Amino acid sequence: MGRFLTSGGAGILAAVVALALLLFGISRGETAVVLAKATRVCMECIGIG
């Protein structure tokens, strides 16, 4: 597996796919959902919520 990721084409392909999925999530408004869930989990961990 490590050899696959060190080859030039595979690394670039993985980066392009990751960027495309990141932009897709942002366009759907998922950042607000992730932030809300992260805030809720954080508040539960420190005992405020």
N, C-alpha and C. Protein backbone atom coordinates (compact mmCIF):
# COMPACT_ATOMS: atom_id res chain seq x y z
N MET A 1 0.83 -1.19 0.00
CA MET A 1 0.00 0.00 0.00
C MET A 1 0.87 1.25 0.00
N GLY A 2 1.93 1.26 0.78
CA GLY A 2 2.80 2.42 0.84
C GLY A 2 3.45 2.72 -0.48
N ARG A 3 3.76 1.68 -1.22
CA ARG A 3 4.38 1.87 -2.52
C ARG A 3 3.41 2.52 -3.51
N PHE A 4 2.14 2.18 -3.38
CA PHE A 4 1.12 2.76 -4.25
C PHE A 4 1.02 4.27 -4.04
N LEU A 5 1.06 4.70 -2.80
CA LEU A 5 0.90 6.12 -2.51
C LEU A 5 2.15 6.93 -2.81
N THR A 6 3.31 6.27 -2.89
CA THR A 6 4.53 7.01 -3.17
C THR A 6 4.75 7.21 -4.66
N SER A 7 4.03 6.48 -5.49
CA SER A 7 4.18 6.71 -6.93
C SER A 7 3.53 8.04 -7.27
N GLY A 8 4.11 8.74 -8.23
CA GLY A 8 3.68 10.11 -8.55
C GLY A 8 2.23 10.23 -8.95
N GLY A 9 1.77 9.39 -9.85
CA GLY A 9 0.40 9.50 -10.35
C GLY A 9 -0.65 9.18 -9.32
N ALA A 10 -0.39 8.20 -8.48
CA ALA A 10 -1.38 7.80 -7.47
C ALA A 10 -1.56 8.89 -6.41
N GLY A 11 -0.48 9.53 -6.03
CA GLY A 11 -0.57 10.60 -5.03
C GLY A 11 -1.35 11.80 -5.55
N ILE A 12 -1.08 12.13 -6.81
CA ILE A 12 -1.80 13.26 -7.42
C ILE A 12 -3.28 12.91 -7.57
N LEU A 13 -3.56 11.68 -7.99
CA LEU A 13 -4.95 11.25 -8.13
C LEU A 13 -5.68 11.29 -6.79
N ALA A 14 -5.02 10.82 -5.74
CA ALA A 14 -5.63 10.83 -4.41
C ALA A 14 -5.90 12.27 -3.96
N ALA A 15 -4.98 13.17 -4.23
CA ALA A 15 -5.16 14.58 -3.84
C ALA A 15 -6.31 15.22 -4.61
N VAL A 16 -6.43 14.91 -5.89
CA VAL A 16 -7.51 15.47 -6.71
C VAL A 16 -8.87 14.94 -6.22
N VAL A 17 -8.94 13.65 -5.94
CA VAL A 17 -10.20 13.06 -5.44
C VAL A 17 -10.56 13.67 -4.09
N ALA A 18 -9.58 13.82 -3.21
CA ALA A 18 -9.84 14.40 -1.89
C ALA A 18 -10.33 15.84 -2.01
N LEU A 19 -9.72 16.60 -2.90
CA LEU A 19 -10.14 17.99 -3.09
C LEU A 19 -11.55 18.07 -3.67
N ALA A 20 -11.86 17.18 -4.61
CA ALA A 20 -13.19 17.17 -5.20
C ALA A 20 -14.25 16.84 -4.15
N LEU A 21 -13.97 15.86 -3.30
CA LEU A 21 -14.93 15.50 -2.25
C LEU A 21 -15.06 16.61 -1.21
N LEU A 22 -13.97 17.28 -0.91
CA LEU A 22 -14.01 18.41 0.02
C LEU A 22 -14.89 19.53 -0.52
N LEU A 23 -14.70 19.87 -1.77
CA LEU A 23 -15.51 20.92 -2.39
C LEU A 23 -16.98 20.51 -2.49
N PHE A 24 -17.24 19.24 -2.75
CA PHE A 24 -18.61 18.75 -2.81
C PHE A 24 -19.29 18.90 -1.44
N GLY A 25 -18.59 18.54 -0.39
CA GLY A 25 -19.15 18.69 0.96
C GLY A 25 -19.41 20.14 1.33
N ILE A 26 -18.50 21.01 0.95
CA ILE A 26 -18.68 22.44 1.23
C ILE A 26 -19.88 22.98 0.47
N SER A 27 -20.04 22.56 -0.78
CA SER A 27 -21.15 23.06 -1.59
C SER A 27 -22.50 22.59 -1.05
N ARG A 28 -22.53 21.46 -0.36
CA ARG A 28 -23.77 20.96 0.21
C ARG A 28 -24.07 21.55 1.58
N GLY A 29 -23.16 22.34 2.13
CA GLY A 29 -23.38 22.96 3.44
C GLY A 29 -23.04 22.05 4.60
N GLU A 30 -22.20 21.07 4.36
CA GLU A 30 -21.85 20.12 5.42
C GLU A 30 -20.95 20.72 6.48
N THR A 31 -20.31 21.84 6.19
CA THR A 31 -19.41 22.43 7.18
C THR A 31 -20.18 22.86 8.43
N ALA A 32 -21.37 23.38 8.26
CA ALA A 32 -22.18 23.79 9.41
C ALA A 32 -22.60 22.59 10.24
N VAL A 33 -22.91 21.50 9.58
CA VAL A 33 -23.31 20.27 10.29
C VAL A 33 -22.14 19.73 11.11
N VAL A 34 -20.97 19.70 10.50
CA VAL A 34 -19.78 19.18 11.19
C VAL A 34 -19.43 20.07 12.37
N LEU A 35 -19.51 21.39 12.20
CA LEU A 35 -19.20 22.30 13.29
C LEU A 35 -20.19 22.14 14.44
N ALA A 36 -21.46 21.98 14.13
CA ALA A 36 -22.46 21.80 15.18
C ALA A 36 -22.22 20.50 15.96
N LYS A 37 -21.91 19.44 15.25
CA LYS A 37 -21.65 18.15 15.93
C LYS A 37 -20.38 18.23 16.76
N ALA A 38 -19.34 18.89 16.24
CA ALA A 38 -18.09 19.02 16.99
C ALA A 38 -18.30 19.83 18.26
N THR A 39 -19.09 20.89 18.16
CA THR A 39 -19.37 21.71 19.34
C THR A 39 -20.13 20.91 20.38
N ARG A 40 -21.12 20.13 19.94
CA ARG A 40 -21.91 19.33 20.86
C ARG A 40 -21.04 18.29 21.58
N VAL A 41 -20.18 17.62 20.83
CA VAL A 41 -19.30 16.61 21.43
C VAL A 41 -18.34 17.27 22.41
N CYS A 42 -17.80 18.41 22.05
CA CYS A 42 -16.85 19.10 22.92
C CYS A 42 -17.52 19.54 24.22
N MET A 43 -18.73 20.06 24.10
CA MET A 43 -19.44 20.49 25.31
C MET A 43 -19.76 19.30 26.22
N GLU A 44 -20.07 18.16 25.63
CA GLU A 44 -20.33 16.97 26.45
C GLU A 44 -19.07 16.48 27.14
N CYS A 45 -17.94 16.59 26.46
CA CYS A 45 -16.68 16.10 27.05
C CYS A 45 -16.26 16.92 28.24
N ILE A 46 -16.47 18.22 28.20
CA ILE A 46 -16.04 19.05 29.33
C ILE A 46 -17.17 19.25 30.35
N GLY A 47 -18.32 18.69 30.07
CA GLY A 47 -19.39 18.67 31.06
C GLY A 47 -20.27 19.89 31.12
N ILE A 48 -20.24 20.74 30.12
CA ILE A 48 -21.09 21.94 30.15
C ILE A 48 -22.48 21.61 29.65
N GLY A 49 -22.56 20.81 28.57
CA GLY A 49 -23.86 20.53 27.95
C GLY A 49 -24.47 19.35 28.51
